[in-house]
C-alpha atoms as a PDB file:
ATOM      1  CA  MET A   1      39.043 -29.440  -0.933  1.00  0.00           C
ATOM      2  CA  ARG A   2      38.083 -32.560   0.922  1.00  0.00           C
ATOM      3  CA  LEU A   3      34.588 -33.330   2.154  1.00  0.00           C
ATOM      4  CA  ARG A   4      35.752 -32.716   5.751  1.00  0.00           C
ATOM      5  CA  HIS A   5      36.826 -29.180   4.734  1.00  0.00           C
ATOM      6  CA  ILE A   6      33.437 -28.508   3.191  1.00  0.00           C
ATOM      7  CA  GLU A   7      31.727 -29.821   6.319  1.00  0.00           C
ATOM      8  CA  VAL A   8      33.800 -27.547   8.564  1.00  0.00           C
ATOM      9  CA  ILE A   9      33.218 -24.501   6.360  1.00  0.00           C
ATOM     10  CA  GLN A  10      29.458 -25.155   6.311  1.00  0.00           C
ATOM     11  CA  ALA A  11      29.351 -25.585  10.097  1.00  0.00           C
ATOM     12  CA  ILE A  12      31.206 -22.304  10.666  1.00  0.00           C
ATOM     13  CA  LEU A  13      28.986 -20.521   8.140  1.00  0.00           C
ATOM     14  CA  GLN A  14      25.945 -21.758  10.078  1.00  0.00           C
ATOM     15  CA  THR A  15      27.214 -21.023  13.587  1.00  0.00           C
ATOM     16  CA  GLY A  16      29.781 -18.234  13.321  1.00  0.00           C
ATOM     17  CA  HIS A  17      31.909 -19.810  16.083  1.00  0.00           C
ATOM     18  CA  LEU A  18      34.583 -22.466  16.028  1.00  0.00           C
ATOM     19  CA  GLY A  19      33.392 -24.044  19.303  1.00  0.00           C
ATOM     20  CA  THR A  20      29.736 -24.166  18.257  1.00  0.00           C
ATOM     21  CA  ALA A  21      30.731 -25.596  14.874  1.00  0.00           C
ATOM     22  CA  ALA A  22      32.741 -28.288  16.696  1.00  0.00           C
ATOM     23  CA  GLU A  23      29.686 -29.165  18.819  1.00  0.00           C
ATOM     24  CA  TRP A  24      27.513 -29.240  15.705  1.00  0.00           C
ATOM     25  CA  LEU A  25      29.968 -31.630  14.026  1.00  0.00           C
ATOM     26  CA  GLN A  26      30.517 -33.585  17.262  1.00  0.00           C
ATOM     27  CA  LEU A  27      34.283 -33.116  16.965  1.00  0.00           C
ATOM     28  CA  PRO A  28      36.926 -31.624  19.272  1.00  0.00           C
ATOM     29  CA  VAL A  29      37.550 -27.913  18.663  1.00  0.00           C
ATOM     30  CA  GLY A  30      41.182 -28.699  17.827  1.00  0.00           C
ATOM     31  CA  ASP A  31      40.140 -31.029  14.983  1.00  0.00           C
ATOM     32  CA  VAL A  32      37.808 -28.409  13.507  1.00  0.00           C
ATOM     33  CA  ASP A  33      40.487 -25.713  13.778  1.00  0.00           C
ATOM     34  CA  ALA A  34      43.056 -28.028  12.143  1.00  0.00           C
ATOM     35  CA  ALA A  35      40.655 -28.865   9.286  1.00  0.00           C
ATOM     36  CA  LEU A  36      39.960 -25.148   8.740  1.00  0.00           C
ATOM     37  CA  GLN A  37      43.684 -24.327   8.651  1.00  0.00           C
ATOM     38  CA  GLU A  38      44.331 -27.252   6.293  1.00  0.00           C
ATOM     39  CA  ALA A  39      41.558 -26.042   3.950  1.00  0.00           C
ATOM     40  CA  GLU A  40      42.932 -22.486   3.964  1.00  0.00           C
ATOM     41  CA  LEU A  41      46.436 -23.783   3.269  1.00  0.00           C
ATOM     42  CA  GLN A  42      45.219 -25.975   0.409  1.00  0.00           C
ATOM     43  CA  LEU A  43      43.061 -23.215  -1.101  1.00  0.00           C
ATOM     44  CA  GLY A  44      45.646 -20.482  -0.631  1.00  0.00           C
ATOM     45  CA  PHE A  45      43.323 -17.922   0.933  1.00  0.00           C
ATOM     46  CA  MET A  46      41.702 -17.160   4.270  1.00  0.00           C
ATOM     47  CA  LEU A  47      38.162 -18.478   4.679  1.00  0.00           C
ATOM     48  CA  PHE A  48      37.076 -16.623   7.844  1.00  0.00           C
ATOM     49  CA  ALA A  49      38.140 -13.497   9.682  1.00  0.00           C
ATOM     50  CA  SER A  50      37.574 -12.933  13.396  1.00  0.00           C
ATOM     51  CA  VAL A  51      35.280  -9.931  13.842  1.00  0.00           C
ATOM     52  CA  ARG A  52      34.052  -9.015  17.366  1.00  0.00           C
ATOM     53  CA  GLY A  53      34.366 -12.582  18.634  1.00  0.00           C
ATOM     54  CA  ARG A  54      32.667 -14.177  15.633  1.00  0.00           C
ATOM     55  CA  LEU A  55      34.105 -15.826  12.560  1.00  0.00           C
ATOM     56  CA  GLN A  56      32.945 -13.891   9.528  1.00  0.00           C
ATOM     57  CA  ALA A  57      33.129 -15.385   6.040  1.00  0.00           C
ATOM     58  CA  THR A  58      35.547 -13.744   3.645  1.00  0.00           C
ATOM     59  CA  ARG A  59      34.480 -12.688   0.145  1.00  0.00           C
ATOM     60  CA  GLU A  60      35.962 -15.908  -1.268  1.00  0.00           C
ATOM     61  CA  THR A  61      34.022 -18.034   1.207  1.00  0.00           C
ATOM     62  CA  LEU A  62      30.792 -16.258   0.317  1.00  0.00           C
ATOM     63  CA  GLU A  63      31.480 -17.069  -3.342  1.00  0.00           C
ATOM     64  CA  LEU A  64      32.025 -20.730  -2.398  1.00  0.00           C
ATOM     65  CA  GLN A  65      28.842 -20.850  -0.300  1.00  0.00           C
ATOM     66  CA  ALA A  66      26.476 -21.760  -3.201  1.00  0.00           C
ATOM     67  CA  ALA A  67      28.758 -24.585  -4.342  1.00  0.00           C
ATOM     68  CA  ILE A  68      29.024 -25.893  -0.775  1.00  0.00           C
ATOM     69  CA  ALA A  69      25.223 -25.828  -0.419  1.00  0.00           C
ATOM     70  CA  HIS A  70      24.997 -27.780  -3.689  1.00  0.00           C
ATOM     71  CA  VAL A  71      27.324 -30.472  -2.277  1.00  0.00           C
ATOM     72  CA  TYR A  72      25.115 -30.768   0.816  1.00  0.00           C
ATOM     73  CA  GLU A  73      21.985 -31.119  -1.327  1.00  0.00           C
ATOM     74  CA  ALA A  74      23.688 -33.860  -3.350  1.00  0.00           C
ATOM     75  CA  LEU A  75      24.510 -35.744  -0.129  1.00  0.00           C
ATOM     76  CA  GLU A  76      20.923 -35.686   1.164  1.00  0.00           C
ATOM     77  CA  PRO A  77      19.749 -38.907  -0.608  1.00  0.00           C
ATOM     78  CA  ALA A  78      22.759 -40.805   0.769  1.00  0.00           C
ATOM     79  CA  GLN A  79      22.039 -39.504   4.269  1.00  0.00           C
ATOM     80  CA  ARG A  80      18.368 -40.565   4.060  1.00  0.00           C
ATOM     81  CA  LEU A  81      19.393 -44.030   2.860  1.00  0.00           C
ATOM     82  CA  ALA A  82      21.962 -44.361   5.647  1.00  0.00           C
ATOM     83  CA  SER A  83      19.320 -43.364   8.194  1.00  0.00           C
ATOM     84  CA  ARG A  84      16.893 -45.960   6.826  1.00  0.00           C
ATOM     85  CA  LEU A  85      19.601 -48.618   6.921  1.00  0.00           C
ATOM     86  CA  LYS A  86      20.520 -47.657  10.475  1.00  0.00           C
ATOM     87  CA  HIS A  87      16.938 -48.166  11.575  1.00  0.00           C
ATOM     88  CA  HIS A  88      16.542 -51.252   9.348  1.00  0.00           C
ATOM     89  CA  HIS A  89      13.710 -49.658   7.394  1.00  0.00           C
ATOM     90  CA  ALA A  90      12.731 -51.187   4.134  1.00  0.00           C
ATOM     91  CA  PRO A  91      12.743 -48.891   1.114  1.00  0.00           C
ATOM     92  CA  THR A  92       9.499 -47.085   0.444  1.00  0.00           C
ATOM     93  CA  LEU A  93       7.138 -48.683  -2.061  1.00  0.00           C
ATOM     94  CA  ARG A  94       6.096 -45.888  -4.431  1.00  0.00           C
ATOM     95  CA  ALA A  95       2.728 -46.851  -5.927  1.00  0.00           C
ATOM     96  CA  LEU A  96       0.643 -44.891  -8.417  1.00  0.00           C
ATOM     97  CA  CYS A  97      -2.895 -45.499  -9.592  1.00  0.00           C
ATOM     98  CA  THR A  98      -5.443 -43.883 -11.828  1.00  0.00           C
ATOM     99  CA  PRO A  99      -8.100 -41.713 -10.144  1.00  0.00           C
ATOM    100  CA  PRO A 100     -10.995 -44.193 -10.592  1.00  0.00           C
ATOM    101  CA  LEU A 101      -9.020 -46.819  -8.658  1.00  0.00           C
ATOM    102  CA  ALA A 102      -7.714 -44.444  -6.008  1.00  0.00           C
ATOM    103  CA  ASN A 103     -11.002 -44.049  -4.134  1.00  0.00           C
ATOM    104  CA  GLN A 104     -12.148 -47.654  -3.842  1.00  0.00           C
ATOM    105  CA  LEU A 105      -9.598 -50.331  -4.657  1.00  0.00           C
ATOM    106  CA  LEU A 106      -6.373 -48.849  -3.344  1.00  0.00           C
ATOM    107  CA  PRO A 107      -7.264 -48.094   0.278  1.00  0.00           C
ATOM    108  CA  GLN A 108      -8.315 -51.726   0.733  1.00  0.00           C
ATOM    109  CA  SER A 109      -5.207 -53.032  -1.040  1.00  0.00           C
ATOM    110  CA  ILE A 110      -2.859 -50.801   0.934  1.00  0.00           C
ATOM    111  CA  ALA A 111      -4.494 -51.907   4.198  1.00  0.00           C
ATOM    112  CA  VAL A 112      -3.799 -55.557   3.310  1.00  0.00           C
ATOM    113  CA  LEU A 113      -0.246 -54.692   2.221  1.00  0.00           C
ATOM    114  CA  ARG A 114       0.411 -52.813   5.488  1.00  0.00           C
ATOM    115  CA  ARG A 115      -0.779 -55.791   7.549  1.00  0.00           C
ATOM    116  CA  ARG A 116       1.468 -58.197   5.640  1.00  0.00           C
ATOM    117  CA  PHE A 117       4.539 -55.949   5.363  1.00  0.00           C
ATOM    118  CA  GLN A 118       4.391 -53.696   8.408  1.00  0.00           C
ATOM    119  CA  ASP A 119       7.964 -52.419   8.064  1.00  0.00           C
ATOM    120  CA  THR A 120       7.587 -51.337   4.442  1.00  0.00           C
ATOM    121  CA  PRO A 121       6.623 -47.689   4.099  1.00  0.00           C
ATOM    122  CA  CYS A 122       4.266 -47.000   1.193  1.00  0.00           C
ATOM    123  CA  ASN A 123       3.755 -43.793  -0.734  1.00  0.00           C
ATOM    124  CA  LEU A 124       0.568 -43.720  -2.805  1.00  0.00           C
ATOM    125  CA  SER A 125      -0.561 -41.085  -5.277  1.00  0.00           C
ATOM    126  CA  SER A 126      -3.076 -40.816  -8.071  1.00  0.00           C
ATOM    127  CA  GLN A 127      -2.181 -39.978 -11.682  1.00  0.00           C
ATOM    128  CA  PRO A 128      -3.578 -40.615 -15.158  1.00  0.00           C
ATOM    129  CA  THR A 129      -2.155 -43.657 -16.973  1.00  0.00           C
ATOM    130  CA  ARG A 130       0.044 -41.492 -19.218  1.00  0.00           C
ATOM    131  CA  GLU A 131       1.692 -39.910 -16.125  1.00  0.00           C
ATOM    132  CA  ILE A 132       2.076 -43.304 -14.442  1.00  0.00           C
ATOM    133  CA  VAL A 133       4.038 -44.532 -17.477  1.00  0.00           C
ATOM    134  CA  ARG A 134       6.236 -41.412 -17.378  1.00  0.00           C
ATOM    135  CA  SER A 135       6.903 -41.843 -13.633  1.00  0.00           C
ATOM    136  CA  LEU A 136       7.790 -45.523 -14.078  1.00  0.00           C
ATOM    137  CA  LEU A 137      10.182 -44.746 -16.938  1.00  0.00           C
ATOM    138  CA  LEU A 138      11.874 -42.026 -14.845  1.00  0.00           C
ATOM    139  CA  HIS A 139      12.102 -44.407 -11.848  1.00  0.00           C
ATOM    140  CA  GLU A 140       9.961 -42.019  -9.782  1.00  0.00           C
ATOM    141  CA  ALA A 141       7.556 -44.874  -8.980  1.00  0.00           C
ATOM    142  CA  ASP A 142       7.857 -48.616  -8.431  1.00  0.00           C
ATOM    143  CA  VAL A 143       4.428 -49.841  -9.570  1.00  0.00           C
ATOM    144  CA  GLY A 144       1.303 -48.455 -11.152  1.00  0.00           C
ATOM    145  CA  LEU A 145      -2.292 -49.606 -11.296  1.00  0.00           C
ATOM    146  CA  SER A 146      -4.519 -48.605 -14.190  1.00  0.00           C
ATOM    147  CA  LEU A 147      -7.693 -49.644 -15.953  1.00  0.00           C
ATOM    148  CA  HIS A 148      -5.840 -49.372 -19.279  1.00  0.00           C
ATOM    149  CA  ASP A 149      -2.889 -51.283 -20.706  1.00  0.00           C
ATOM    150  CA  PRO A 150      -0.335 -48.589 -21.595  1.00  0.00           C
ATOM    151  CA  GLU A 151       1.064 -50.771 -24.416  1.00  0.00           C
ATOM    152  CA  HIS A 152       4.521 -49.314 -23.907  1.00  0.00           C
ATOM    153  CA  PRO A 153       7.544 -51.428 -24.914  1.00  0.00           C
ATOM    154  CA  GLN A 154       9.455 -50.615 -21.697  1.00  0.00           C
ATOM    155  CA  ILE A 155       6.522 -51.244 -19.347  1.00  0.00           C
ATOM    156  CA  HIS A 156       5.466 -54.751 -18.363  1.00  0.00           C
ATOM    157  CA  SER A 157       1.782 -55.019 -17.508  1.00  0.00           C
ATOM    158  CA  ARG A 158      -0.285 -57.833 -16.052  1.00  0.00           C
ATOM    159  CA  VAL A 159      -4.040 -58.170 -15.609  1.00  0.00           C
ATOM    160  CA  LEU A 160      -4.761 -58.379 -11.880  1.00  0.00           C
ATOM    161  CA  ALA A 161      -8.540 -58.573 -11.974  1.00  0.00           C
ATOM    162  CA  GLN A 162     -11.468 -58.663 -14.387  1.00  0.00           C
ATOM    163  CA  GLY A 163     -15.059 -57.813 -13.753  1.00  0.00           C
ATOM    164  CA  LYS A 164     -18.266 -56.404 -15.125  1.00  0.00           C
ATOM    165  CA  LEU A 165     -19.133 -52.772 -15.408  1.00  0.00           C
ATOM    166  CA  GLN A 166     -22.698 -51.859 -14.489  1.00  0.00           C
ATOM    167  CA  LEU A 167     -24.569 -49.460 -16.769  1.00  0.00           C
ATOM    168  CA  LEU A 168     -27.062 -47.213 -15.053  1.00  0.00           C
ATOM    169  CA  ALA A 169     -29.447 -45.596 -17.535  1.00  0.00           C
ATOM    170  CA  PRO A 170     -32.904 -44.008 -17.526  1.00  0.00           C
ATOM    171  CA  HIS A 171     -35.879 -46.334 -17.935  1.00  0.00           C
ATOM    172  CA  GLY A 172     -36.449 -47.207 -21.605  1.00  0.00           C
ATOM    173  CA  TRP A 173     -32.912 -46.401 -22.699  1.00  0.00           C
ATOM    174  CA  LEU A 174     -32.011 -50.070 -23.227  1.00  0.00           C
ATOM    175  CA  LYS A 175     -33.965 -52.442 -25.433  1.00  0.00           C
ATOM    176  CA  PRO A 176     -36.277 -54.847 -23.580  1.00  0.00           C
ATOM    177  CA  ARG A 177     -34.511 -58.006 -22.389  1.00  0.00           C
ATOM    178  CA  GLN A 178     -31.147 -56.610 -23.449  1.00  0.00           C
ATOM    179  CA  LYS A 179     -28.737 -58.106 -20.951  1.00  0.00           C
ATOM    180  CA  TYR A 180     -25.360 -56.929 -22.255  1.00  0.00           C
ATOM    181  CA  ILE A 181     -24.160 -53.922 -24.232  1.00  0.00           C
ATOM    182  CA  ALA A 182     -20.735 -53.339 -25.757  1.00  0.00           C
ATOM    183  CA  LEU A 183     -18.912 -50.158 -24.798  1.00  0.00           C
ATOM    184  CA  GLN A 184     -18.645 -49.096 -28.438  1.00  0.00           C
ATOM    185  CA  ASP A 185     -22.479 -49.228 -28.640  1.00  0.00           C
ATOM    186  CA  LEU A 186     -22.637 -46.526 -25.969  1.00  0.00           C
ATOM    187  CA  ALA A 187     -20.650 -44.014 -28.030  1.00  0.00           C
ATOM    188  CA  GLY A 188     -22.775 -41.089 -29.142  1.00  0.00           C
ATOM    189  CA  ASN A 189     -25.775 -41.964 -26.945  1.00  0.00           C
ATOM    190  CA  ARG A 190     -27.095 -39.370 -24.515  1.00  0.00           C
END
């Protein structure tokens, strides 16, 4: 079967009429009828029977229906890409970040990005660092932002910013005149 045959079969399955299927496919009725006859000839069995003015799928066609639906699902990414290219849309930037960054840093960063690259759609979601690494390795995301270096051999990381973390503690918890405290010194304190 050719892709055109599959397209005609799917259209007739959806509409039940040769004329409506032709409209759906934006083809002349004669072309749709010819493609249907060609498919039946190639396959060696009838695909549709005329019942009370409608085309009804034969048992063989109903068995093919799941495989045809699978072909259409497989074509969906190509159709989305073609649509984006037709409208000159840039590919979507898929960004991930850890939850602590999602609330404060990312909305500001995305706003700047949107002003600079107005035609670039951006999809942003929040995940723990471990899930960001997994998504990057599976090519489900383009970039990730985290407070931790994942130290993964297939992930390149770069420090974007450094700063100080403020410790808020009850009065008397820190020693007098103590200006800095290491994170490891906080372990076990309540």
